């Protein structure tokens, strides 16, 4: 997927967006060097995306903001 996914409020909204746009979760995982089951678990709500690969996947799916683009309040 060339363009980043929009920010979603829930895993269900993200899954619906992927289905509506014909995005294959396996191909998305392969293209971003992530295990498919991590993406599937995030979309099902079984993982929260706090650390490691789940965190990277949550950012990719638009479930979390990218910490490198966040600005800290001074």
Protein backbone atom coordinates (compact mmCIF):
# COMPACT_ATOMS: atom_id res chain seq x y z
CA UNK A 1 0.00 0.00 0.00
CA UNK A 2 1.58 3.25 -1.13
CA UNK A 3 -0.44 5.76 0.86
CA UNK A 4 -0.68 5.65 4.65
CA UNK A 5 -3.93 4.56 6.21
CA UNK A 6 -6.10 7.22 7.87
CA UNK A 7 -6.37 7.34 11.68
CA UNK A 8 -9.09 5.03 13.04
CA UNK A 9 -10.92 5.09 16.36
CA UNK A 10 -11.40 1.32 16.55
CA UNK A 11 -10.04 -1.91 15.10
CA UNK A 12 -13.50 -2.57 13.62
CA UNK A 13 -13.38 0.69 11.66
CA UNK A 14 -9.93 -0.19 10.35
CA UNK A 15 -11.06 -3.69 9.30
CA UNK A 16 -14.09 -2.21 7.53
CA UNK A 17 -11.86 0.28 5.68
CA UNK A 18 -9.50 -2.51 4.57
CA UNK A 19 -12.42 -4.62 3.31
CA UNK A 20 -14.05 -1.69 1.50
CA UNK A 21 -10.80 -0.82 -0.26
CA UNK A 22 -9.79 -4.38 -1.13
CA UNK A 23 -6.61 -4.35 0.96
CA UNK A 24 -5.28 -7.85 1.60
CA UNK A 25 -3.96 -8.20 5.16
CA UNK A 26 -1.40 -10.83 4.12
CA UNK A 27 0.06 -8.59 1.42
CA UNK A 28 0.07 -5.61 3.79
CA UNK A 29 1.96 -7.68 6.37
CA UNK A 30 4.48 -8.95 3.80
CA UNK A 31 5.10 -5.49 2.37
CA UNK A 32 5.84 -4.12 5.85
CA UNK A 33 7.83 -7.10 7.16
CA UNK A 34 5.32 -7.94 9.89
CA UNK A 35 3.71 -11.26 10.85
CA UNK A 36 0.18 -11.54 9.44
CA UNK A 37 -1.16 -12.81 12.76
CA UNK A 38 -0.07 -9.63 14.52
CA UNK A 39 -2.21 -7.59 12.11
CA UNK A 40 -5.11 -10.01 12.43
CA UNK A 41 -4.94 -9.95 16.24
CA UNK A 42 -4.97 -6.14 16.23
CA UNK A 43 -7.96 -6.04 13.89
CA UNK A 44 -9.81 -8.54 16.11
CA UNK A 45 -8.98 -6.56 19.25
CA UNK A 46 -6.89 -9.33 20.81
CA UNK A 47 -3.74 -7.19 20.93
CA UNK A 48 -3.45 -3.56 21.97
CA UNK A 49 -0.24 -2.65 20.15
CA UNK A 50 1.76 -1.50 23.16
CA UNK A 51 5.19 -2.95 22.29
CA UNK A 52 7.35 -4.38 19.55
CA UNK A 53 5.83 -5.64 16.32
CA UNK A 54 2.28 -5.07 17.56
CA UNK A 55 3.13 -1.40 18.19
CA UNK A 56 4.61 -1.03 14.69
CA UNK A 57 1.56 -2.74 13.20
CA UNK A 58 -0.87 -0.53 15.15
CA UNK A 59 0.87 2.55 13.74
CA UNK A 60 0.75 1.07 10.24
CA UNK A 61 -2.98 0.33 10.54
CA UNK A 62 -3.73 3.83 11.82
CA UNK A 63 -4.82 2.62 15.24
CA UNK A 64 -2.10 4.65 16.98
CA UNK A 65 -0.29 7.88 16.20
CA UNK A 66 3.34 7.61 15.08
CA UNK A 67 5.43 8.71 18.08
CA UNK A 68 8.12 10.14 15.79
CA UNK A 69 5.63 12.72 14.45
CA UNK A 70 4.15 13.72 17.81
CA UNK A 71 5.18 17.03 19.34
CA UNK A 72 5.73 17.20 23.06
CA UNK A 73 4.05 19.99 25.00
CA UNK A 74 6.62 22.40 26.40
